[in-house]
């Protein structure tokens, strides 16, 4: 598992795909958030949140409480 936060984009990798990642699915949030899946196994391999601060606001989570 790996996590990166760069320019307010949070990317969390759960697993590496056996083939390639396809079927990128947007989640039903106002903040652009995407699930990545392995083309062969259809296993979720990663999630990416384009604006983590906005996502936390949308989910009503105070990021200072989690620090």
C-alpha atoms as a PDB file:
ATOM      1  CA  UNK A   1       0.000   0.000   0.000  1.00  0.00           C
ATOM      2  CA  UNK A   2       1.207   3.488  -0.757  1.00  0.00           C
ATOM      3  CA  UNK A   3      -0.163   6.957  -0.126  1.00  0.00           C
ATOM      4  CA  UNK A   4       0.790  10.250  -1.715  1.00  0.00           C
ATOM      5  CA  UNK A   5      -0.496  13.765  -1.181  1.00  0.00           C
ATOM      6  CA  UNK A   6       0.682  16.337  -3.680  1.00  0.00           C
ATOM      7  CA  UNK A   7      -0.935  19.661  -4.517  1.00  0.00           C
ATOM      8  CA  UNK A   8      -4.042  18.649  -2.520  1.00  0.00           C
ATOM      9  CA  UNK A   9      -4.497  15.437  -4.544  1.00  0.00           C
ATOM     10  CA  UNK A  10      -4.667  12.325  -2.379  1.00  0.00           C
ATOM     11  CA  UNK A  11      -3.800   9.039  -4.110  1.00  0.00           C
ATOM     12  CA  UNK A  12      -4.000   5.760  -2.181  1.00  0.00           C
ATOM     13  CA  UNK A  13      -2.761   2.567  -3.848  1.00  0.00           C
ATOM     14  CA  UNK A  14      -4.128  -0.656  -2.355  1.00  0.00           C
ATOM     15  CA  UNK A  15      -2.641  -3.071  -4.886  1.00  0.00           C
ATOM     16  CA  UNK A  16      -0.844  -3.066  -8.213  1.00  0.00           C
ATOM     17  CA  UNK A  17      -2.877  -4.265 -11.187  1.00  0.00           C
ATOM     18  CA  UNK A  18      -1.999  -7.621 -12.765  1.00  0.00           C
ATOM     19  CA  UNK A  19      -2.596  -6.174 -16.225  1.00  0.00           C
ATOM     20  CA  UNK A  20      -3.585  -2.529 -16.373  1.00  0.00           C
ATOM     21  CA  UNK A  21      -5.990  -0.238 -14.608  1.00  0.00           C
ATOM     22  CA  UNK A  22      -9.237   0.436 -16.372  1.00  0.00           C
ATOM     23  CA  UNK A  23     -12.820   1.045 -15.422  1.00  0.00           C
ATOM     24  CA  UNK A  24     -11.954   4.194 -13.523  1.00  0.00           C
ATOM     25  CA  UNK A  25     -15.213   4.992 -11.739  1.00  0.00           C
ATOM     26  CA  UNK A  26     -16.162   8.391 -10.390  1.00  0.00           C
ATOM     27  CA  UNK A  27     -17.776   8.248  -6.955  1.00  0.00           C
ATOM     28  CA  UNK A  28     -21.035  10.119  -6.280  1.00  0.00           C
ATOM     29  CA  UNK A  29     -19.418  13.121  -4.611  1.00  0.00           C
ATOM     30  CA  UNK A  30     -19.188  16.759  -5.690  1.00  0.00           C
ATOM     31  CA  UNK A  31     -15.433  16.544  -5.219  1.00  0.00           C
ATOM     32  CA  UNK A  32     -13.836  14.574  -8.086  1.00  0.00           C
ATOM     33  CA  UNK A  33     -13.031  11.158  -6.569  1.00  0.00           C
ATOM     34  CA  UNK A  34     -12.157   8.069  -8.594  1.00  0.00           C
ATOM     35  CA  UNK A  35     -11.766   4.325  -7.999  1.00  0.00           C
ATOM     36  CA  UNK A  36      -9.264   2.461 -10.160  1.00  0.00           C
ATOM     37  CA  UNK A  37      -9.744  -1.240 -10.934  1.00  0.00           C
ATOM     38  CA  UNK A  38      -7.576  -4.000 -12.355  1.00  0.00           C
ATOM     39  CA  UNK A  39      -8.743  -4.794 -15.880  1.00  0.00           C
ATOM     40  CA  UNK A  40      -8.383  -8.563 -15.382  1.00  0.00           C
ATOM     41  CA  UNK A  41      -9.495  -9.159 -11.783  1.00  0.00           C
ATOM     42  CA  UNK A  42     -11.768  -6.082 -11.413  1.00  0.00           C
ATOM     43  CA  UNK A  43     -10.214  -5.632  -7.954  1.00  0.00           C
ATOM     44  CA  UNK A  44     -10.053  -2.047  -6.684  1.00  0.00           C
ATOM     45  CA  UNK A  45      -6.405  -1.025  -6.891  1.00  0.00           C
ATOM     46  CA  UNK A  46      -6.479   2.663  -5.955  1.00  0.00           C
ATOM     47  CA  UNK A  47      -8.550   5.693  -5.055  1.00  0.00           C
ATOM     48  CA  UNK A  48      -7.781   9.274  -5.979  1.00  0.00           C
ATOM     49  CA  UNK A  49      -9.361  12.398  -4.496  1.00  0.00           C
ATOM     50  CA  UNK A  50      -8.614  15.505  -6.545  1.00  0.00           C
ATOM     51  CA  UNK A  51      -9.216  18.086  -3.777  1.00  0.00           C
ATOM     52  CA  UNK A  52      -8.860  16.436  -0.373  1.00  0.00           C
ATOM     53  CA  UNK A  53      -9.773  19.607   1.551  1.00  0.00           C
ATOM     54  CA  UNK A  54     -13.045  19.968  -0.358  1.00  0.00           C
ATOM     55  CA  UNK A  55     -13.793  16.250   0.062  1.00  0.00           C
ATOM     56  CA  UNK A  56     -13.342  16.531   3.837  1.00  0.00           C
ATOM     57  CA  UNK A  57     -15.676  19.552   3.904  1.00  0.00           C
ATOM     58  CA  UNK A  58     -18.224  17.695   1.781  1.00  0.00           C
ATOM     59  CA  UNK A  59     -18.077  14.710   4.128  1.00  0.00           C
ATOM     60  CA  UNK A  60     -18.331  17.096   7.088  1.00  0.00           C
ATOM     61  CA  UNK A  61     -14.970  16.039   8.513  1.00  0.00           C
ATOM     62  CA  UNK A  62     -12.724  18.644  10.136  1.00  0.00           C
ATOM     63  CA  UNK A  63      -9.161  17.864   9.019  1.00  0.00           C
ATOM     64  CA  UNK A  64      -7.677  19.659  12.051  1.00  0.00           C
ATOM     65  CA  UNK A  65      -9.419  17.152  14.334  1.00  0.00           C
ATOM     66  CA  UNK A  66      -7.598  14.292  12.581  1.00  0.00           C
ATOM     67  CA  UNK A  67      -4.133  15.839  12.773  1.00  0.00           C
END
